[in-house]
Amino acid sequence: MNTSEFSVLAAAIKTYYPRFSIFPNQEAMELWYDALKDLPLDALSAAVKKWAVTEKWPPTIADLRDKCMEITTGGGLDWGQGWQEVQKAIRLYGYMQPQKALESMSPVTQDAVRRIGWQAICESENPETIRAQFRQVFEYCEKNASETQRLPPELKANIQQIQALSEKLKLIS
């Protein structure tokens, strides 16, 4: 998306919400553009329209990134679907083939299973408790994955560089 295409969307947002001062100056326009420029134009345009017909208040940058992700990905798995993946992997691979079991799962489900432990899930004698634990961990993992996915690529790269530098400094000290 280029600046002129964004200007058209910004004008639409202003028109949808005339009582609000959404882009009060050129700096605000530039900041919004910088935060949204990585999104596909058609998805962002659909997100703006969807927001306008469903919400009374103007969107924030985060709102539009959320709507774009919802539009382009159709939303992520819920914990119940993740639990079904786990149950299927247990039936197919059992506790003896954890790598194959993990490979059969979506990334968020894999993350949740790794945090709990494949053996712990398979050997649990209390399925209700392990299911409840899975739900909590899965929802945490989904939130983190969703948040990371919404970040602009430049910001993601910047955060990764900072984290890598921080890890190096920890090793040195």
N, C-alpha and C. Protein backbone atom coordinates (compact mmCIF):
# COMPACT_ATOMS: atom_id res chain seq x y z
N MET A 1 0.85 -1.16 0.00
CA MET A 1 0.00 0.00 0.00
C MET A 1 0.90 1.23 0.00
N ASN A 2 0.55 2.18 -0.83
CA ASN A 2 1.33 3.41 -0.87
C ASN A 2 0.58 4.53 -0.14
N THR A 3 1.21 5.69 -0.04
CA THR A 3 0.63 6.79 0.74
C THR A 3 -0.67 7.32 0.15
N SER A 4 -0.76 7.36 -1.16
CA SER A 4 -2.00 7.88 -1.76
C SER A 4 -3.17 6.91 -1.52
N GLU A 5 -2.90 5.61 -1.56
CA GLU A 5 -3.95 4.63 -1.25
C GLU A 5 -4.37 4.74 0.21
N PHE A 6 -3.39 4.95 1.08
CA PHE A 6 -3.72 5.13 2.49
C PHE A 6 -4.53 6.41 2.71
N SER A 7 -4.20 7.45 1.98
CA SER A 7 -4.94 8.71 2.11
C SER A 7 -6.42 8.52 1.80
N VAL A 8 -6.72 7.69 0.82
CA VAL A 8 -8.12 7.40 0.48
C VAL A 8 -8.81 6.70 1.66
N LEU A 9 -8.12 5.73 2.26
CA LEU A 9 -8.69 5.03 3.42
C LEU A 9 -8.85 5.97 4.61
N ALA A 10 -7.87 6.83 4.82
CA ALA A 10 -7.94 7.80 5.92
C ALA A 10 -9.13 8.74 5.72
N ALA A 11 -9.35 9.16 4.49
CA ALA A 11 -10.49 10.02 4.19
C ALA A 11 -11.81 9.29 4.46
N ALA A 12 -11.84 8.01 4.15
CA ALA A 12 -13.05 7.22 4.42
C ALA A 12 -13.30 7.13 5.93
N ILE A 13 -12.25 6.89 6.70
CA ILE A 13 -12.41 6.82 8.16
C ILE A 13 -12.93 8.16 8.69
N LYS A 14 -12.36 9.25 8.21
CA LYS A 14 -12.81 10.58 8.64
C LYS A 14 -14.28 10.79 8.28
N THR A 15 -14.68 10.31 7.11
CA THR A 15 -16.06 10.46 6.66
C THR A 15 -17.00 9.60 7.48
N TYR A 16 -16.59 8.38 7.80
CA TYR A 16 -17.41 7.50 8.63
C TYR A 16 -17.61 8.06 10.04
N TYR A 17 -16.62 8.76 10.54
CA TYR A 17 -16.66 9.28 11.92
C TYR A 17 -16.36 10.77 11.93
N PRO A 18 -17.29 11.59 11.42
CA PRO A 18 -17.01 13.03 11.27
C PRO A 18 -16.90 13.79 12.59
N ARG A 19 -17.45 13.28 13.67
CA ARG A 19 -17.41 14.00 14.95
C ARG A 19 -16.07 13.85 15.67
N PHE A 20 -15.20 13.00 15.18
CA PHE A 20 -13.95 12.72 15.86
C PHE A 20 -12.76 13.29 15.09
N SER A 21 -11.76 13.73 15.83
CA SER A 21 -10.54 14.24 15.21
C SER A 21 -9.54 13.08 15.12
N ILE A 22 -9.67 12.30 14.06
CA ILE A 22 -8.89 11.08 13.95
C ILE A 22 -7.47 11.33 13.45
N PHE A 23 -7.34 12.13 12.42
CA PHE A 23 -6.01 12.46 11.89
C PHE A 23 -5.84 13.97 11.99
N PRO A 24 -5.48 14.46 13.18
CA PRO A 24 -5.46 15.90 13.40
C PRO A 24 -4.36 16.66 12.64
N ASN A 25 -3.30 15.94 12.25
CA ASN A 25 -2.21 16.62 11.55
C ASN A 25 -1.46 15.63 10.66
N GLN A 26 -0.51 16.14 9.91
CA GLN A 26 0.26 15.32 8.98
C GLN A 26 1.08 14.26 9.71
N GLU A 27 1.58 14.59 10.89
CA GLU A 27 2.37 13.63 11.66
C GLU A 27 1.52 12.42 12.04
N ALA A 28 0.26 12.66 12.41
CA ALA A 28 -0.64 11.56 12.75
C ALA A 28 -0.87 10.67 11.53
N MET A 29 -1.07 11.28 10.38
CA MET A 29 -1.26 10.51 9.14
C MET A 29 -0.03 9.64 8.86
N GLU A 30 1.15 10.21 9.04
CA GLU A 30 2.39 9.48 8.77
C GLU A 30 2.58 8.33 9.76
N LEU A 31 2.25 8.56 11.03
CA LEU A 31 2.37 7.50 12.03
C LEU A 31 1.40 6.35 11.73
N TRP A 32 0.17 6.70 11.38
CA TRP A 32 -0.82 5.66 11.04
C TRP A 32 -0.37 4.89 9.80
N TYR A 33 0.09 5.61 8.80
CA TYR A 33 0.55 4.94 7.58
C TYR A 33 1.70 4.00 7.90
N ASP A 34 2.67 4.48 8.67
CA ASP A 34 3.82 3.65 9.02
C ASP A 34 3.40 2.39 9.75
N ALA A 35 2.38 2.48 10.59
CA ALA A 35 1.92 1.33 11.38
C ALA A 35 1.05 0.36 10.57
N LEU A 36 0.53 0.81 9.43
CA LEU A 36 -0.39 -0.02 8.65
C LEU A 36 0.10 -0.36 7.25
N LYS A 37 1.21 0.20 6.82
CA LYS A 37 1.65 0.08 5.42
C LYS A 37 1.96 -1.35 4.97
N ASP A 38 2.24 -2.26 5.90
CA ASP A 38 2.56 -3.63 5.53
C ASP A 38 1.32 -4.47 5.22
N LEU A 39 0.14 -3.96 5.56
CA LEU A 39 -1.09 -4.72 5.35
C LEU A 39 -1.55 -4.65 3.90
N PRO A 40 -2.13 -5.72 3.38
CA PRO A 40 -2.66 -5.68 2.02
C PRO A 40 -3.80 -4.65 1.92
N LEU A 41 -3.78 -3.87 0.87
CA LEU A 41 -4.78 -2.81 0.69
C LEU A 41 -6.20 -3.35 0.74
N ASP A 42 -6.47 -4.45 0.05
CA ASP A 42 -7.84 -4.97 0.04
C ASP A 42 -8.30 -5.41 1.42
N ALA A 43 -7.40 -6.00 2.19
CA ALA A 43 -7.75 -6.43 3.55
C ALA A 43 -7.98 -5.23 4.46
N LEU A 44 -7.13 -4.22 4.35
CA LEU A 44 -7.29 -3.03 5.19
C LEU A 44 -8.56 -2.28 4.82
N SER A 45 -8.85 -2.20 3.54
CA SER A 45 -10.08 -1.55 3.09
C SER A 45 -11.31 -2.29 3.63
N ALA A 46 -11.29 -3.62 3.57
CA ALA A 46 -12.39 -4.42 4.12
C ALA A 46 -12.49 -4.23 5.63
N ALA A 47 -11.34 -4.14 6.30
CA ALA A 47 -11.33 -3.94 7.75
C ALA A 47 -11.96 -2.60 8.13
N VAL A 48 -11.63 -1.56 7.37
CA VAL A 48 -12.21 -0.23 7.62
C VAL A 48 -13.72 -0.28 7.43
N LYS A 49 -14.19 -0.90 6.35
CA LYS A 49 -15.63 -0.99 6.09
C LYS A 49 -16.33 -1.83 7.16
N LYS A 50 -15.73 -2.96 7.52
CA LYS A 50 -16.33 -3.82 8.54
C LYS A 50 -16.41 -3.08 9.86
N TRP A 51 -15.35 -2.35 10.21
CA TRP A 51 -15.37 -1.58 11.44
C TRP A 51 -16.48 -0.54 11.41
N ALA A 52 -16.59 0.16 10.29
CA ALA A 52 -17.57 1.24 10.18
C ALA A 52 -19.01 0.75 10.32
N VAL A 53 -19.30 -0.44 9.85
CA VAL A 53 -20.68 -0.93 9.94
C VAL A 53 -20.98 -1.68 11.23
N THR A 54 -19.95 -1.92 12.04
CA THR A 54 -20.20 -2.67 13.28
C THR A 54 -19.86 -1.89 14.56
N GLU A 55 -19.14 -0.79 14.44
CA GLU A 55 -18.69 -0.07 15.64
C GLU A 55 -19.13 1.39 15.62
N LYS A 56 -19.43 1.91 16.80
CA LYS A 56 -19.87 3.30 16.93
C LYS A 56 -18.71 4.27 17.03
N TRP A 57 -17.55 3.77 17.43
CA TRP A 57 -16.39 4.62 17.66
C TRP A 57 -15.35 4.39 16.58
N PRO A 58 -14.53 5.38 16.31
CA PRO A 58 -13.50 5.20 15.28
C PRO A 58 -12.47 4.15 15.70
N PRO A 59 -11.85 3.50 14.72
CA PRO A 59 -10.88 2.46 15.04
C PRO A 59 -9.53 3.04 15.48
N THR A 60 -8.79 2.23 16.19
CA THR A 60 -7.39 2.53 16.48
C THR A 60 -6.56 1.72 15.49
N ILE A 61 -5.28 1.96 15.48
CA ILE A 61 -4.38 1.17 14.64
C ILE A 61 -4.51 -0.31 15.01
N ALA A 62 -4.53 -0.60 16.31
CA ALA A 62 -4.64 -1.99 16.77
C ALA A 62 -5.95 -2.62 16.31
N ASP A 63 -7.03 -1.84 16.35
CA ASP A 63 -8.32 -2.36 15.90
C ASP A 63 -8.26 -2.78 14.43
N LEU A 64 -7.65 -1.94 13.61
CA LEU A 64 -7.58 -2.26 12.18
C LEU A 64 -6.65 -3.43 11.91
N ARG A 65 -5.56 -3.53 12.64
CA ARG A 65 -4.67 -4.69 12.47
C ARG A 65 -5.40 -5.97 12.89
N ASP A 66 -6.17 -5.89 13.98
CA ASP A 66 -6.95 -7.06 14.43
C ASP A 66 -7.96 -7.48 13.36
N LYS A 67 -8.69 -6.51 12.83
CA LYS A 67 -9.70 -6.83 11.81
C LYS A 67 -9.04 -7.41 10.56
N CYS A 68 -7.90 -6.86 10.16
CA CYS A 68 -7.19 -7.40 8.99
C CYS A 68 -6.78 -8.84 9.22
N MET A 69 -6.26 -9.11 10.40
CA MET A 69 -5.85 -10.48 10.71
C MET A 69 -7.06 -11.40 10.69
N GLU A 70 -8.14 -10.94 11.26
CA GLU A 70 -9.38 -11.73 11.28
C GLU A 70 -9.86 -12.02 9.85
N ILE A 71 -9.78 -11.02 8.99
CA ILE A 71 -10.22 -11.16 7.60
C ILE A 71 -9.29 -12.09 6.82
N THR A 72 -7.99 -11.92 6.98
CA THR A 72 -7.05 -12.70 6.17
C THR A 72 -6.83 -14.12 6.67
N THR A 73 -6.97 -14.34 7.98
CA THR A 73 -6.72 -15.68 8.51
C THR A 73 -7.99 -16.43 8.90
N GLY A 74 -9.08 -15.71 8.99
CA GLY A 74 -10.33 -16.35 9.42
C GLY A 74 -10.34 -16.66 10.91
N GLY A 75 -9.41 -16.09 11.65
CA GLY A 75 -9.32 -16.37 13.08
C GLY A 75 -8.52 -17.64 13.32
N GLY A 76 -8.00 -17.77 14.48
CA GLY A 76 -7.19 -18.94 14.80
C GLY A 76 -8.01 -20.08 15.35
N LEU A 77 -7.32 -21.12 15.75
CA LEU A 77 -7.97 -22.26 16.40
C LEU A 77 -8.46 -21.83 17.77
N ASP A 78 -9.53 -22.45 18.22
CA ASP A 78 -9.87 -22.27 19.62
C ASP A 78 -9.30 -23.46 20.38
N TRP A 79 -9.31 -23.38 21.69
CA TRP A 79 -8.65 -24.41 22.48
C TRP A 79 -9.29 -25.78 22.28
N GLY A 80 -10.59 -25.82 22.01
CA GLY A 80 -11.27 -27.09 21.77
C GLY A 80 -10.75 -27.80 20.54
N GLN A 81 -10.49 -27.02 19.49
CA GLN A 81 -9.91 -27.61 18.28
C GLN A 81 -8.49 -28.10 18.54
N GLY A 82 -7.76 -27.32 19.34
CA GLY A 82 -6.41 -27.73 19.71
C GLY A 82 -6.43 -29.03 20.51
N TRP A 83 -7.39 -29.15 21.43
CA TRP A 83 -7.50 -30.37 22.23
C TRP A 83 -7.84 -31.57 21.35
N GLN A 84 -8.67 -31.35 20.33
CA GLN A 84 -8.98 -32.43 19.39
C GLN A 84 -7.71 -32.88 18.65
N GLU A 85 -6.85 -31.92 18.29
CA GLU A 85 -5.57 -32.28 17.65
C GLU A 85 -4.74 -33.15 18.58
N VAL A 86 -4.71 -32.81 19.86
CA VAL A 86 -3.94 -33.57 20.84
C VAL A 86 -4.51 -34.99 20.96
N GLN A 87 -5.82 -35.09 21.07
CA GLN A 87 -6.45 -36.41 21.22
C GLN A 87 -6.19 -37.29 20.01
N LYS A 88 -6.25 -36.69 18.82
CA LYS A 88 -5.98 -37.44 17.59
C LYS A 88 -4.52 -37.92 17.56
N ALA A 89 -3.59 -37.03 17.97
CA ALA A 89 -2.18 -37.39 17.99
C ALA A 89 -1.91 -38.51 19.00
N ILE A 90 -2.60 -38.49 20.12
CA ILE A 90 -2.44 -39.56 21.12
C ILE A 90 -2.89 -40.89 20.50
N ARG A 91 -4.03 -40.88 19.82
CA ARG A 91 -4.53 -42.12 19.19
C ARG A 91 -3.58 -42.63 18.11
N LEU A 92 -3.04 -41.71 17.31
CA LEU A 92 -2.19 -42.11 16.19
C LEU A 92 -0.76 -42.46 16.60
N TYR A 93 -0.19 -41.72 17.56
CA TYR A 93 1.23 -41.86 17.85
C TYR A 93 1.55 -42.32 19.27
N GLY A 94 0.60 -42.19 20.18
CA GLY A 94 0.86 -42.60 21.56
C GLY A 94 1.98 -41.79 22.19
N TYR A 95 2.40 -42.20 23.36
CA TYR A 95 3.43 -41.44 24.07
C TYR A 95 4.84 -41.76 23.59
N MET A 96 4.99 -42.80 22.79
CA MET A 96 6.32 -43.22 22.34
C MET A 96 6.85 -42.44 21.12
N GLN A 97 5.98 -41.69 20.42
CA GLN A 97 6.41 -40.96 19.23
C GLN A 97 6.07 -39.47 19.37
N PRO A 98 6.66 -38.81 20.34
CA PRO A 98 6.29 -37.40 20.59
C PRO A 98 6.60 -36.48 19.42
N GLN A 99 7.70 -36.72 18.70
CA GLN A 99 8.05 -35.83 17.60
C GLN A 99 7.01 -35.91 16.48
N LYS A 100 6.61 -37.11 16.11
CA LYS A 100 5.59 -37.26 15.07
C LYS A 100 4.27 -36.67 15.53
N ALA A 101 3.95 -36.86 16.80
CA ALA A 101 2.70 -36.30 17.34
C ALA A 101 2.72 -34.78 17.23
N LEU A 102 3.82 -34.16 17.64
CA LEU A 102 3.92 -32.70 17.58
C LEU A 102 3.84 -32.19 16.14
N GLU A 103 4.48 -32.91 15.24
CA GLU A 103 4.47 -32.49 13.83
C GLU A 103 3.06 -32.53 13.23
N SER A 104 2.17 -33.31 13.83
CA SER A 104 0.80 -33.40 13.30
C SER A 104 -0.10 -32.27 13.78
N MET A 105 0.42 -31.40 14.64
CA MET A 105 -0.40 -30.35 15.26
C MET A 105 -0.10 -28.97 14.69
N SER A 106 -1.04 -28.08 14.86
CA SER A 106 -0.83 -26.68 14.48
C SER A 106 0.22 -26.06 15.41
N PRO A 107 0.85 -24.96 14.99
CA PRO A 107 1.91 -24.36 15.80
C PRO A 107 1.48 -23.97 17.22
N VAL A 108 0.30 -23.41 17.38
CA VAL A 108 -0.13 -23.00 18.73
C VAL A 108 -0.36 -24.23 19.61
N THR A 109 -0.95 -25.27 19.04
CA THR A 109 -1.16 -26.50 19.80
C THR A 109 0.19 -27.11 20.18
N GLN A 110 1.14 -27.11 19.26
CA GLN A 110 2.48 -27.61 19.55
C GLN A 110 3.09 -26.86 20.73
N ASP A 111 2.97 -25.54 20.70
CA ASP A 111 3.54 -24.72 21.76
C ASP A 111 2.92 -25.07 23.11
N ALA A 112 1.60 -25.21 23.14
CA ALA A 112 0.91 -25.55 24.38
C ALA A 112 1.34 -26.93 24.88
N VAL A 113 1.43 -27.89 23.98
CA VAL A 113 1.82 -29.25 24.35
C VAL A 113 3.25 -29.26 24.88
N ARG A 114 4.15 -28.53 24.23
CA ARG A 114 5.55 -28.48 24.70
C ARG A 114 5.63 -27.89 26.11
N ARG A 115 4.81 -26.88 26.38
CA ARG A 115 4.85 -26.24 27.69
C ARG A 115 4.35 -27.18 28.79
N ILE A 116 3.36 -27.99 28.46
CA ILE A 116 2.82 -28.94 29.45
C ILE A 116 3.69 -30.19 29.50
N GLY A 117 4.08 -30.65 28.33
CA GLY A 117 4.88 -31.88 28.22
C GLY A 117 4.03 -33.00 27.64
N TRP A 118 4.53 -33.59 26.55
CA TRP A 118 3.80 -34.66 25.87
C TRP A 118 3.57 -35.84 26.80
N GLN A 119 4.61 -36.24 27.52
CA GLN A 119 4.48 -37.38 28.43
C GLN A 119 3.44 -37.10 29.52
N ALA A 120 3.46 -35.87 30.04
CA ALA A 120 2.50 -35.52 31.10
C ALA A 120 1.07 -35.61 30.60
N ILE A 121 0.85 -35.19 29.37
CA ILE A 121 -0.50 -35.26 28.79
C ILE A 121 -0.90 -36.72 28.60
N CYS A 122 -0.02 -37.49 28.00
CA CYS A 122 -0.33 -38.89 27.69
C CYS A 122 -0.53 -39.74 28.95
N GLU A 123 0.25 -39.49 29.98
CA GLU A 123 0.22 -40.34 31.17
C GLU A 123 -0.71 -39.84 32.26
N SER A 124 -1.38 -38.72 32.01
CA SER A 124 -2.26 -38.16 33.04
C SER A 124 -3.38 -39.13 33.38
N GLU A 125 -3.62 -39.30 34.66
CA GLU A 125 -4.70 -40.17 35.13
C GLU A 125 -5.97 -39.37 35.40
N ASN A 126 -5.89 -38.06 35.20
CA ASN A 126 -7.05 -37.21 35.42
C ASN A 126 -7.29 -36.38 34.16
N PRO A 127 -8.05 -36.92 33.20
CA PRO A 127 -8.22 -36.23 31.92
C PRO A 127 -8.88 -34.86 32.03
N GLU A 128 -9.77 -34.67 33.00
CA GLU A 128 -10.43 -33.37 33.15
C GLU A 128 -9.43 -32.30 33.56
N THR A 129 -8.52 -32.66 34.47
CA THR A 129 -7.52 -31.71 34.94
C THR A 129 -6.54 -31.35 33.83
N ILE A 130 -6.05 -32.33 33.10
CA ILE A 130 -5.07 -32.06 32.04
C ILE A 130 -5.74 -31.26 30.92
N ARG A 131 -7.02 -31.52 30.67
CA ARG A 131 -7.76 -30.75 29.66
C ARG A 131 -7.89 -29.30 30.09
N ALA A 132 -8.18 -29.06 31.37
CA ALA A 132 -8.30 -27.70 31.88
C ALA A 132 -6.94 -26.99 31.82
N GLN A 133 -5.88 -27.71 32.17
CA GLN A 133 -4.54 -27.12 32.08
C GLN A 133 -4.21 -26.79 30.63
N PHE A 134 -4.55 -27.70 29.72
CA PHE A 134 -4.30 -27.45 28.30
C PHE A 134 -5.03 -26.20 27.85
N ARG A 135 -6.27 -26.05 28.28
CA ARG A 135 -7.06 -24.87 27.88
C ARG A 135 -6.36 -23.59 28.31
N GLN A 136 -5.91 -23.53 29.54
CA GLN A 136 -5.24 -22.33 30.03
C GLN A 136 -3.96 -22.04 29.26
N VAL A 137 -3.17 -23.05 29.07
CA VAL A 137 -1.89 -22.87 28.37
C VAL A 137 -2.15 -22.53 26.90
N PHE A 138 -3.10 -23.20 26.27
CA PHE A 138 -3.41 -22.94 24.86
C PHE A 138 -3.85 -21.50 24.67
N GLU A 139 -4.73 -21.01 25.54
CA GLU A 139 -5.23 -19.64 25.40
C GLU A 139 -4.09 -18.63 25.57
N TYR A 140 -3.17 -18.91 26.47
CA TYR A 140 -1.99 -18.05 26.64
C TYR A 140 -1.14 -18.07 25.36
N CYS A 141 -0.89 -19.26 24.82
CA CYS A 141 -0.09 -19.41 23.61
C CYS A 141 -0.76 -18.74 22.41
N GLU A 142 -2.07 -18.90 22.30
CA GLU A 142 -2.82 -18.29 21.19
C GLU A 142 -2.75 -16.77 21.28
N LYS A 143 -2.87 -16.24 22.48
CA LYS A 143 -2.79 -14.78 22.67
C LYS A 143 -1.42 -14.27 22.23
N ASN A 144 -0.36 -14.96 22.65
CA ASN A 144 0.99 -14.55 22.26
C ASN A 144 1.21 -14.65 20.76
N ALA A 145 0.75 -15.75 20.16
CA ALA A 145 0.92 -15.94 18.72
C ALA A 145 0.15 -14.89 17.93
N SER A 146 -1.06 -14.61 18.39
CA SER A 146 -1.91 -13.63 17.73
C SER A 146 -1.29 -12.24 17.82
N GLU A 147 -0.78 -11.91 18.98
CA GLU A 147 -0.14 -10.60 19.16
C GLU A 147 1.08 -10.47 18.27
N THR A 148 1.88 -11.50 18.22
CA THR A 148 3.08 -11.48 17.38
C THR A 148 2.71 -11.37 15.91
N GLN A 149 1.68 -12.07 15.51
CA GLN A 149 1.26 -12.04 14.10
C GLN A 149 0.75 -10.66 13.69
N ARG A 150 0.18 -9.92 14.62
CA ARG A 150 -0.36 -8.60 14.30
C ARG A 150 0.72 -7.54 14.15
N LEU A 151 1.92 -7.80 14.63
CA LEU A 151 2.98 -6.79 14.57
C LEU A 151 3.47 -6.58 13.15
N PRO A 152 3.78 -5.34 12.81
CA PRO A 152 4.39 -5.09 11.50
C PRO A 152 5.75 -5.80 11.42
N PRO A 153 6.13 -6.28 10.23
CA PRO A 153 7.40 -7.02 10.08
C PRO A 153 8.62 -6.26 10.60
N GLU A 154 8.69 -4.95 10.34
CA GLU A 154 9.83 -4.17 10.81
C GLU A 154 9.92 -4.17 12.33
N LEU A 155 8.79 -4.04 13.00
CA LEU A 155 8.77 -4.03 14.46
C LEU A 155 9.14 -5.41 15.01
N LYS A 156 8.62 -6.47 14.37
CA LYS A 156 8.98 -7.84 14.78
C LYS A 156 10.49 -8.04 14.70
N ALA A 157 11.09 -7.62 13.59
CA ALA A 157 12.53 -7.77 13.41
C ALA A 157 13.30 -6.97 14.46
N ASN A 158 12.82 -5.77 14.74
CA ASN A 158 13.47 -4.93 15.74
C ASN A 158 13.40 -5.58 17.11
N ILE A 159 12.26 -6.11 17.48
CA ILE A 159 12.10 -6.78 18.77
C ILE A 159 13.01 -8.01 18.86
N GLN A 160 13.08 -8.78 17.77
CA GLN A 160 13.95 -9.96 17.76
C GLN A 160 15.42 -9.58 17.94
N GLN A 161 15.83 -8.48 17.32
CA GLN A 161 17.21 -8.02 17.48
C GLN A 161 17.48 -7.62 18.93
N ILE A 162 16.54 -6.92 19.53
CA ILE A 162 16.70 -6.50 20.93
C ILE A 162 16.76 -7.72 21.84
N GLN A 163 15.90 -8.70 21.59
CA GLN A 163 15.89 -9.91 22.41
C GLN A 163 17.20 -10.69 22.24
N ALA A 164 17.70 -10.79 21.03
CA ALA A 164 18.95 -11.50 20.78
C ALA A 164 20.11 -10.80 21.48
N LEU A 165 20.13 -9.49 21.42
CA LEU A 165 21.18 -8.72 22.09
C LEU A 165 21.08 -8.91 23.60
N SER A 166 19.87 -8.91 24.11
CA SER A 166 19.64 -9.11 25.55
C SER A 166 20.13 -10.49 25.98
N GLU A 167 19.88 -11.52 25.17
CA GLU A 167 20.36 -12.87 25.47
C GLU A 167 21.88 -12.93 25.48
N LYS A 168 22.52 -12.25 24.51
CA LYS A 168 23.97 -12.23 24.47
C LYS A 168 24.54 -11.56 25.71
N LEU A 169 23.91 -10.47 26.14
CA LEU A 169 24.38 -9.77 27.33
C LEU A 169 24.22 -10.63 28.58
N LYS A 170 23.15 -11.43 28.64
CA LYS A 170 22.96 -12.34 29.77
C LYS A 170 24.06 -13.38 29.82
N LEU A 171 24.45 -13.89 28.63
CA LEU A 171 25.51 -14.91 28.57
C LEU A 171 26.86 -14.35 29.00
N ILE A 172 27.10 -13.08 28.67
CA ILE A 172 28.37 -12.46 28.99
C ILE A 172 28.49 -12.21 30.50
N SER A 173 27.39 -11.77 31.11
CA SER A 173 27.46 -11.42 32.54
C SER A 173 27.34 -12.59 33.47
